[in-house]
PDB file of N, CA and C in Angstrom:
ATOM      1  N   MET A   1       0.878  -1.181   0.271  1.00  0.00           N
ATOM      2  CA  MET A   1       0.126   0.247   0.350  1.00  0.00           C
ATOM      3  C   MET A   1       1.204   1.377   0.121  1.00  0.00           C
ATOM      4  N   PRO A   2       0.656   2.564  -0.956  1.00  0.00           N
ATOM      5  CA  PRO A   2       1.375   3.202  -0.832  1.00  0.00           C
ATOM      6  C   PRO A   2       1.551   4.010   0.201  1.00  0.00           C
ATOM      7  N   LEU A   3       2.495   5.085   0.676  1.00  0.00           N
ATOM      8  CA  LEU A   3       2.094   5.671   1.952  1.00  0.00           C
ATOM      9  C   LEU A   3       1.459   6.982   1.812  1.00  0.00           C
ATOM     10  N   ARG A   4       0.578   7.449   2.703  1.00  0.00           N
ATOM     11  CA  ARG A   4      -0.247   8.415   2.851  1.00  0.00           C
ATOM     12  C   ARG A   4       0.770   9.967   2.384  1.00  0.00           C
ATOM     13  N   ASN A   5       0.374  10.755   2.309  1.00  0.00           N
ATOM     14  CA  ASN A   5       0.993  12.072   2.204  1.00  0.00           C
ATOM     15  C   ASN A   5       1.955  12.959   3.413  1.00  0.00           C
ATOM     16  N   GLY A   6       1.011  12.542   4.209  1.00  0.00           N
ATOM     17  CA  GLY A   6       1.579  12.887   6.008  1.00  0.00           C
ATOM     18  C   GLY A   6       3.085  11.973   6.249  1.00  0.00           C
ATOM     19  N   ALA A   7       2.649  10.641   6.498  1.00  0.00           N
ATOM     20  CA  ALA A   7       3.754   9.653   6.622  1.00  0.00           C
ATOM     21  C   ALA A   7       4.782  10.332   5.775  1.00  0.00           C
ATOM     22  N   LYS A   8       4.834  10.223   4.008  1.00  0.00           N
ATOM     23  CA  LYS A   8       6.034  10.543   3.566  1.00  0.00           C
ATOM     24  C   LYS A   8       6.800  11.937   3.597  1.00  0.00           C
ATOM     25  N   LYS A   9       6.254  13.320   4.497  1.00  0.00           N
ATOM     26  CA  LYS A   9       6.240  14.197   4.928  1.00  0.00           C
ATOM     27  C   LYS A   9       7.050  13.604   5.839  1.00  0.00           C
ATOM     28  N   LEU A  10       6.597  13.472   6.567  1.00  0.00           N
ATOM     29  CA  LEU A  10       7.732  12.587   7.888  1.00  0.00           C
ATOM     30  C   LEU A  10       8.897  12.063   7.710  1.00  0.00           C
ATOM     31  N   ILE A  11       8.719  10.925   6.953  1.00  0.00           N
ATOM     32  CA  ILE A  11       9.819  10.279   6.650  1.00  0.00           C
ATOM     33  C   ILE A  11      10.794  11.331   5.684  1.00  0.00           C
ATOM     34  N   GLU A  12      10.526  12.006   4.915  1.00  0.00           N
ATOM     35  CA  GLU A  12      11.193  13.483   4.348  1.00  0.00           C
ATOM     36  C   GLU A  12      11.672  13.969   5.598  1.00  0.00           C
ATOM     37  N   LEU A  13      11.655  14.524   6.711  1.00  0.00           N
ATOM     38  CA  LEU A  13      11.590  15.407   7.695  1.00  0.00           C
ATOM     39  C   LEU A  13      13.009  14.166   8.541  1.00  0.00           C
ATOM     40  N   MET A  14      12.657  12.995   8.885  1.00  0.00           N
ATOM     41  CA  MET A  14      13.885  11.976   9.161  1.00  0.00           C
ATOM     42  C   MET A  14      14.815  12.168   8.791  1.00  0.00           C
ATOM     43  N   GLN A  15      15.029  11.876   6.835  1.00  0.00           N
ATOM     44  CA  GLN A  15      15.947  11.956   6.716  1.00  0.00           C
ATOM     45  C   GLN A  15      16.939  13.652   6.404  1.00  0.00           C
ATOM     46  N   VAL A  16      16.379  14.672   6.718  1.00  0.00           N
ATOM     47  CA  VAL A  16      16.831  15.764   6.591  1.00  0.00           C
ATOM     48  C   VAL A  16      17.660  15.613   7.847  1.00  0.00           C
ATOM     49  N   VAL A  17      16.613  15.225   8.911  1.00  0.00           N
ATOM     50  CA  VAL A  17      17.445  15.181  10.062  1.00  0.00           C
ATOM     51  C   VAL A  17      18.818  14.322  10.120  1.00  0.00           C
ATOM     52  N   GLN A  18      18.659  13.457   9.387  1.00  0.00           N
ATOM     53  CA  GLN A  18      19.718  12.241   9.454  1.00  0.00           C
ATOM     54  C   GLN A  18      20.398  12.965   8.406  1.00  0.00           C
ATOM     55  N   ALA A  19      20.791  13.663   7.404  1.00  0.00           N
ATOM     56  CA  ALA A  19      21.431  14.556   7.101  1.00  0.00           C
ATOM     57  C   ALA A  19      22.184  15.538   7.313  1.00  0.00           C
ATOM     58  N   GLY A  20      21.983  15.977   8.888  1.00  0.00           N
ATOM     59  CA  GLY A  20      22.322  16.972   9.717  1.00  0.00           C
ATOM     60  C   GLY A  20      21.475  18.093   9.339  1.00  0.00           C
ATOM     61  N   GLY A  21      20.928  18.383   8.894  1.00  0.00           N
ATOM     62  CA  GLY A  21      19.468  19.724   9.556  1.00  0.00           C
ATOM     63  C   GLY A  21      18.535  19.524   9.641  1.00  0.00           C
ATOM     64  N   ARG A  22      17.542  20.383   9.527  1.00  0.00           N
ATOM     65  CA  ARG A  22      16.536  20.488  10.859  1.00  0.00           C
ATOM     66  C   ARG A  22      15.625  20.221  10.365  1.00  0.00           C
ATOM     67  N   GLY A  23      14.435  19.234  10.579  1.00  0.00           N
ATOM     68  CA  GLY A  23      13.222  19.353  10.888  1.00  0.00           C
ATOM     69  C   GLY A  23      12.300  19.400  11.759  1.00  0.00           C
ATOM     70  N   VAL A  24      11.180  20.020  10.900  1.00  0.00           N
ATOM     71  CA  VAL A  24       9.871  20.582  12.296  1.00  0.00           C
ATOM     72  C   VAL A  24       8.382  20.528  11.560  1.00  0.00           C
ATOM     73  N   ILE A  25       7.776  19.777  12.046  1.00  0.00           N
ATOM     74  CA  ILE A  25       6.557  19.778  12.332  1.00  0.00           C
ATOM     75  C   ILE A  25       5.992  20.588  12.153  1.00  0.00           C
ATOM     76  N   PHE A  26       4.453  21.443  12.083  1.00  0.00           N
ATOM     77  CA  PHE A  26       3.928  22.167  12.640  1.00  0.00           C
ATOM     78  C   PHE A  26       2.461  21.632  12.669  1.00  0.00           C
ATOM     79  N   PHE A  27       1.392  21.739  13.946  1.00  0.00           N
ATOM     80  CA  PHE A  27       0.382  21.449  13.941  1.00  0.00           C
ATOM     81  C   PHE A  27      -0.216  23.080  14.197  1.00  0.00           C
ATOM     82  N   VAL A  28      -1.531  23.193  13.716  1.00  0.00           N
ATOM     83  CA  VAL A  28      -2.146  23.841  13.519  1.00  0.00           C
ATOM     84  C   VAL A  28      -3.703  23.678  14.294  1.00  0.00           C
ATOM     85  N   VAL A  29      -4.286  23.833  15.711  1.00  0.00           N
ATOM     86  CA  VAL A  29      -4.685  23.289  16.363  1.00  0.00           C
ATOM     87  C   VAL A  29      -6.227  24.675  16.214  1.00  0.00           C
ATOM     88  N   GLN A  30      -7.364  24.425  15.385  1.00  0.00           N
ATOM     89  CA  GLN A  30      -8.548  25.250  15.283  1.00  0.00           C
ATOM     90  C   GLN A  30      -9.499  25.053  16.449  1.00  0.00           C
ATOM     91  N   ARG A  31      -9.568  24.564  17.163  1.00  0.00           N
ATOM     92  CA  ARG A  31     -10.133  24.414  18.028  1.00  0.00           C
ATOM     93  C   ARG A  31      -9.830  25.601  19.496  1.00  0.00           C
ATOM     94  N   GLU A  32     -10.458  26.247  19.710  1.00  0.00           N
ATOM     95  CA  GLU A  32      -9.952  27.239  21.040  1.00  0.00           C
ATOM     96  C   GLU A  32     -10.313  26.602  22.285  1.00  0.00           C
ATOM     97  N   ASP A  33     -11.267  25.733  22.671  1.00  0.00           N
ATOM     98  CA  ASP A  33     -11.251  24.995  24.118  1.00  0.00           C
ATOM     99  C   ASP A  33     -10.119  23.973  23.820  1.00  0.00           C
ATOM    100  N   ALA A  34      -8.911  24.100  22.944  1.00  0.00           N
ATOM    101  CA  ALA A  34      -7.988  22.814  23.327  1.00  0.00           C
ATOM    102  C   ALA A  34      -6.934  23.196  24.318  1.00  0.00           C
ATOM    103  N   GLY A  35      -6.747  21.519  24.771  1.00  0.00           N
ATOM    104  CA  GLY A  35      -5.798  22.026  26.130  1.00  0.00           C
ATOM    105  C   GLY A  35      -4.331  21.709  25.696  1.00  0.00           C
ATOM    106  N   SER A  36      -4.430  20.710  25.099  1.00  0.00           N
ATOM    107  CA  SER A  36      -3.202  19.809  23.949  1.00  0.00           C
ATOM    108  C   SER A  36      -3.217  19.221  22.665  1.00  0.00           C
ATOM    109  N   PHE A  37      -2.320  18.733  22.206  1.00  0.00           N
ATOM    110  CA  PHE A  37      -2.628  17.958  21.322  1.00  0.00           C
ATOM    111  C   PHE A  37      -1.990  16.896  21.171  1.00  0.00           C
ATOM    112  N   GLY A  38      -2.134  15.770  20.118  1.00  0.00           N
ATOM    113  CA  GLY A  38      -1.782  14.201  19.970  1.00  0.00           C
ATOM    114  C   GLY A  38      -2.575  13.785  19.078  1.00  0.00           C
ATOM    115  N   PRO A  39      -1.444  12.747  18.596  1.00  0.00           N
ATOM    116  CA  PRO A  39      -1.872  12.223  17.365  1.00  0.00           C
ATOM    117  C   PRO A  39      -3.800  11.292  17.282  1.00  0.00           C
ATOM    118  N   ALA A  40      -4.408  11.208  16.351  1.00  0.00           N
ATOM    119  CA  ALA A  40      -5.390  10.620  16.483  1.00  0.00           C
ATOM    120  C   ALA A  40      -5.229   9.371  16.408  1.00  0.00           C
ATOM    121  N   ASP A  41      -5.148   8.482  17.057  1.00  0.00           N
ATOM    122  CA  ASP A  41      -4.612   7.127  16.901  1.00  0.00           C
ATOM    123  C   ASP A  41      -5.647   6.432  16.444  1.00  0.00           C
ATOM    124  N   SER A  42      -6.822   6.541  17.414  1.00  0.00           N
ATOM    125  CA  SER A  42      -7.981   5.987  16.507  1.00  0.00           C
ATOM    126  C   SER A  42      -8.468   6.131  15.165  1.00  0.00           C
ATOM    127  N   ILE A  43      -7.865   6.961  14.162  1.00  0.00           N
ATOM    128  CA  ILE A  43      -8.090   7.311  13.387  1.00  0.00           C
ATOM    129  C   ILE A  43      -6.975   6.836  12.299  1.00  0.00           C
ATOM    130  N   ASP A  44      -5.566   7.285  12.821  1.00  0.00           N
ATOM    131  CA  ASP A  44      -4.604   6.644  11.887  1.00  0.00           C
ATOM    132  C   ASP A  44      -3.330   6.625  12.839  1.00  0.00           C
ATOM    133  N   PRO A  45      -3.355   5.019  13.081  1.00  0.00           N
ATOM    134  CA  PRO A  45      -2.350   4.777  14.303  1.00  0.00           C
ATOM    135  C   PRO A  45      -1.271   4.603  13.808  1.00  0.00           C
ATOM    136  N   ASP A  46      -1.338   4.117  12.496  1.00  0.00           N
ATOM    137  CA  ASP A  46       0.277   4.187  11.729  1.00  0.00           C
ATOM    138  C   ASP A  46       1.024   5.201  11.745  1.00  0.00           C
ATOM    139  N   TYR A  47       0.048   6.261  11.195  1.00  0.00           N
ATOM    140  CA  TYR A  47       0.569   7.969  11.459  1.00  0.00           C
ATOM    141  C   TYR A  47       0.940   8.518  12.666  1.00  0.00           C
ATOM    142  N   GLY A  48       0.398   7.742  13.721  1.00  0.00           N
ATOM    143  CA  GLY A  48       0.965   8.343  15.418  1.00  0.00           C
ATOM    144  C   GLY A  48       1.974   8.097  15.831  1.00  0.00           C
ATOM    145  N   ASN A  49       2.136   6.348  15.300  1.00  0.00           N
ATOM    146  CA  ASN A  49       3.079   5.580  15.968  1.00  0.00           C
ATOM    147  C   ASN A  49       4.573   6.277  14.631  1.00  0.00           C
ATOM    148  N   LEU A  50       4.399   6.771  13.385  1.00  0.00           N
ATOM    149  CA  LEU A  50       5.229   7.193  12.770  1.00  0.00           C
ATOM    150  C   LEU A  50       5.737   8.650  12.818  1.00  0.00           C
ATOM    151  N   LEU A  51       4.508   9.261  13.522  1.00  0.00           N
ATOM    152  CA  LEU A  51       5.534  10.653  14.406  1.00  0.00           C
ATOM    153  C   LEU A  51       6.227  10.720  15.397  1.00  0.00           C
ATOM    154  N   ARG A  52       5.873   9.636  16.715  1.00  0.00           N
ATOM    155  CA  ARG A  52       6.137   9.268  17.338  1.00  0.00           C
ATOM    156  C   ARG A  52       8.125   8.664  17.415  1.00  0.00           C
ATOM    157  N   HIS A  53       8.064   7.590  16.442  1.00  0.00           N
ATOM    158  CA  HIS A  53       8.971   7.634  15.956  1.00  0.00           C
ATOM    159  C   HIS A  53      10.370   9.136  15.326  1.00  0.00           C
ATOM    160  N   ALA A  54       9.365   9.548  14.767  1.00  0.00           N
ATOM    161  CA  ALA A  54      10.135  10.847  13.819  1.00  0.00           C
ATOM    162  C   ALA A  54      10.516  11.665  15.229  1.00  0.00           C
ATOM    163  N   VAL A  55      10.155  11.730  15.637  1.00  0.00           N
ATOM    164  CA  VAL A  55      10.385  12.630  16.940  1.00  0.00           C
ATOM    165  C   VAL A  55      11.259  12.203  17.779  1.00  0.00           C
ATOM    166  N   GLN A  56      10.902  10.977  18.440  1.00  0.00           N
ATOM    167  CA  GLN A  56      12.283  10.214  19.055  1.00  0.00           C
ATOM    168  C   GLN A  56      13.798  10.425  18.174  1.00  0.00           C
ATOM    169  N   HIS A  57      13.845  10.311  17.150  1.00  0.00           N
ATOM    170  CA  HIS A  57      14.694  10.583  16.196  1.00  0.00           C
ATOM    171  C   HIS A  57      15.351  12.180  15.480  1.00  0.00           C
ATOM    172  N   GLY A  58      14.798  13.003  16.090  1.00  0.00           N
ATOM    173  CA  GLY A  58      15.167  14.371  16.198  1.00  0.00           C
ATOM    174  C   GLY A  58      14.341  15.110  15.514  1.00  0.00           C
ATOM    175  N   VAL A  59      13.006  14.847  14.854  1.00  0.00           N
ATOM    176  CA  VAL A  59      12.527  16.028  14.266  1.00  0.00           C
ATOM    177  C   VAL A  59      11.572  16.254  15.400  1.00  0.00           C
ATOM    178  N   GLU A  60      11.632  17.911  15.681  1.00  0.00           N
ATOM    179  CA  GLU A  60      10.720  18.809  16.290  1.00  0.00           C
ATOM    180  C   GLU A  60       9.332  18.737  15.954  1.00  0.00           C
ATOM    181  N   ALA A  61       8.438  18.735  16.707  1.00  0.00           N
ATOM    182  CA  ALA A  61       6.916  18.739  16.772  1.00  0.00           C
ATOM    183  C   ALA A  61       6.665  20.263  17.846  1.00  0.00           C
ATOM    184  N   TYR A  62       5.980  20.920  16.643  1.00  0.00           N
ATOM    185  CA  TYR A  62       4.676  21.742  17.546  1.00  0.00           C
ATOM    186  C   TYR A  62       3.587  21.884  17.051  1.00  0.00           C
ATOM    187  N   ALA A  63       2.702  22.283  18.034  1.00  0.00           N
ATOM    188  CA  ALA A  63       1.182  22.554  18.167  1.00  0.00           C
ATOM    189  C   ALA A  63       0.835  23.756  18.737  1.00  0.00           C
ATOM    190  N   TYR A  64       0.613  24.950  17.633  1.00  0.00           N
ATOM    191  CA  TYR A  64      -0.434  26.166  18.399  1.00  0.00           C
ATOM    192  C   TYR A  64      -2.007  25.815  18.239  1.00  0.00           C
ATOM    193  N   GLN A  65      -2.263  26.352  19.042  1.00  0.00           N
ATOM    194  CA  GLN A  65      -3.812  27.172  19.179  1.00  0.00           C
ATOM    195  C   GLN A  65      -4.122  28.305  17.921  1.00  0.00           C
ATOM    196  N   VAL A  66      -5.414  28.636  17.215  1.00  0.00           N
ATOM    197  CA  VAL A  66      -5.310  29.896  16.592  1.00  0.00           C
ATOM    198  C   VAL A  66      -6.898  30.471  17.336  1.00  0.00           C
ATOM    199  N   HIS A  67      -6.682  32.245  16.746  1.00  0.00           N
ATOM    200  CA  HIS A  67      -7.516  32.252  16.842  1.00  0.00           C
ATOM    201  C   HIS A  67      -7.963  32.529  15.298  1.00  0.00           C
ATOM    202  N   ILE A  68      -9.322  32.447  14.934  1.00  0.00           N
ATOM    203  CA  ILE A  68      -9.417  32.704  13.856  1.00  0.00           C
ATOM    204  C   ILE A  68     -11.142  33.438  13.789  1.00  0.00           C
ATOM    205  N   ARG A  69     -10.941  34.849  13.010  1.00  0.00           N
ATOM    206  CA  ARG A  69     -11.617  35.815  13.198  1.00  0.00           C
ATOM    207  C   ARG A  69     -11.513  36.038  11.784  1.00  0.00           C
ATOM    208  N   PRO A  70     -12.300  35.966  10.816  1.00  0.00           N
ATOM    209  CA  PRO A  70     -12.038  36.247   9.546  1.00  0.00           C
ATOM    210  C   PRO A  70     -11.875  37.928   9.647  1.00  0.00           C
ATOM    211  N   PRO A  71     -11.053  38.200   8.361  1.00  0.00           N
ATOM    212  CA  PRO A  71     -10.238  37.647   7.701  1.00  0.00           C
ATOM    213  C   PRO A  71      -9.099  37.103   8.199  1.00  0.00           C
ATOM    214  N   ASP A  72      -8.601  37.538   9.656  1.00  0.00           N
ATOM    215  CA  ASP A  72      -7.682  37.158  10.405  1.00  0.00           C
ATOM    216  C   ASP A  72      -7.605  35.690  11.006  1.00  0.00           C
ATOM    217  N   ILE A  73      -6.179  34.743  10.660  1.00  0.00           N
ATOM    218  CA  ILE A  73      -6.149  33.837  11.815  1.00  0.00           C
ATOM    219  C   ILE A  73      -4.573  34.281  12.250  1.00  0.00           C
ATOM    220  N   THR A  74      -4.104  33.962  13.775  1.00  0.00           N
ATOM    221  CA  THR A  74      -3.797  34.513  14.342  1.00  0.00           C
ATOM    222  C   THR A  74      -2.936  33.133  15.527  1.00  0.00           C
ATOM    223  N   LEU A  75      -1.824  33.525  15.694  1.00  0.00           N
ATOM    224  CA  LEU A  75      -1.582  32.063  16.307  1.00  0.00           C
ATOM    225  C   LEU A  75      -2.188  32.444  17.895  1.00  0.00           C
ATOM    226  N   ASN A  76      -2.193  31.563  19.052  1.00  0.00           N
ATOM    227  CA  ASN A  76      -2.871  32.574  20.166  1.00  0.00           C
ATOM    228  C   ASN A  76      -1.634  31.928  21.607  1.00  0.00           C
ATOM    229  N   ARG A  77      -1.229  30.369  21.318  1.00  0.00           N
ATOM    230  CA  ARG A  77      -0.553  29.697  21.938  1.00  0.00           C
ATOM    231  C   ARG A  77       0.083  28.564  21.983  1.00  0.00           C
ATOM    232  N   ARG A  78       1.074  27.763  22.143  1.00  0.00           N
ATOM    233  CA  ARG A  78       1.395  26.722  22.319  1.00  0.00           C
ATOM    234  C   ARG A  78       0.818  25.836  22.874  1.00  0.00           C
ATOM    235  N   LEU A  79       0.480  24.478  22.470  1.00  0.00           N
ATOM    236  CA  LEU A  79      -0.281  23.569  23.164  1.00  0.00           C
ATOM    237  C   LEU A  79       1.083  22.544  23.511  1.00  0.00           C
ATOM    238  N   PRO A  80       0.923  21.655  24.328  1.00  0.00           N
ATOM    239  CA  PRO A  80       1.915  20.455  24.940  1.00  0.00           C
ATOM    240  C   PRO A  80       0.867  19.466  23.692  1.00  0.00           C
ATOM    241  N   ILE A  81       2.487  18.973  23.296  1.00  0.00           N
ATOM    242  CA  ILE A  81       1.974  17.929  22.876  1.00  0.00           C
ATOM    243  C   ILE A  81       1.872  16.175  23.617  1.00  0.00           C
ATOM    244  N   TYR A  82       1.078  15.628  23.570  1.00  0.00           N
ATOM    245  CA  TYR A  82       0.953  14.667  24.184  1.00  0.00           C
ATOM    246  C   TYR A  82       1.245  13.281  23.254  1.00  0.00           C
ATOM    247  N   PHE A  83       2.521  12.255  23.224  1.00  0.00           N
ATOM    248  CA  PHE A  83       2.435  11.126  22.450  1.00  0.00           C
ATOM    249  C   PHE A  83       2.399  10.607  23.358  1.00  0.00           C
ATOM    250  N   GLY A  84       2.041  10.059  24.094  1.00  0.00           N
ATOM    251  CA  GLY A  84       1.426   8.147  24.807  1.00  0.00           C
ATOM    252  C   GLY A  84       0.364   7.687  23.955  1.00  0.00           C
ATOM    253  N   LYS A  85       0.601   6.408  24.343  1.00  0.00           N
ATOM    254  CA  LYS A  85      -0.281   5.440  23.629  1.00  0.00           C
ATOM    255  C   LYS A  85      -1.853   5.588  24.568  1.00  0.00           C
ATOM    256  N   PRO A  86      -2.862   6.035  24.365  1.00  0.00           N
ATOM    257  CA  PRO A  86      -4.199   6.122  24.692  1.00  0.00           C
ATOM    258  C   PRO A  86      -4.526   4.793  25.810  1.00  0.00           C
TER     259      PRO A  86
END
């Protein structure tokens, strides 16, 4: 089965880190009531596992909550990322 786009990007980021560069993934959380971020293992456990693997191997992960007030989208605050298994 071919890799989904998100998995391809994580693999590319790991390759960047392995080559000595900086790999960063940035998650935008559009829910203003969010207190943290984590991979949706119930929807795509393979992606969640790959994300954990990528972070363990040097890919930086950031999640930010945003305010959406058309026509603007602004960063509100950085959210902690929960990588534990449910």
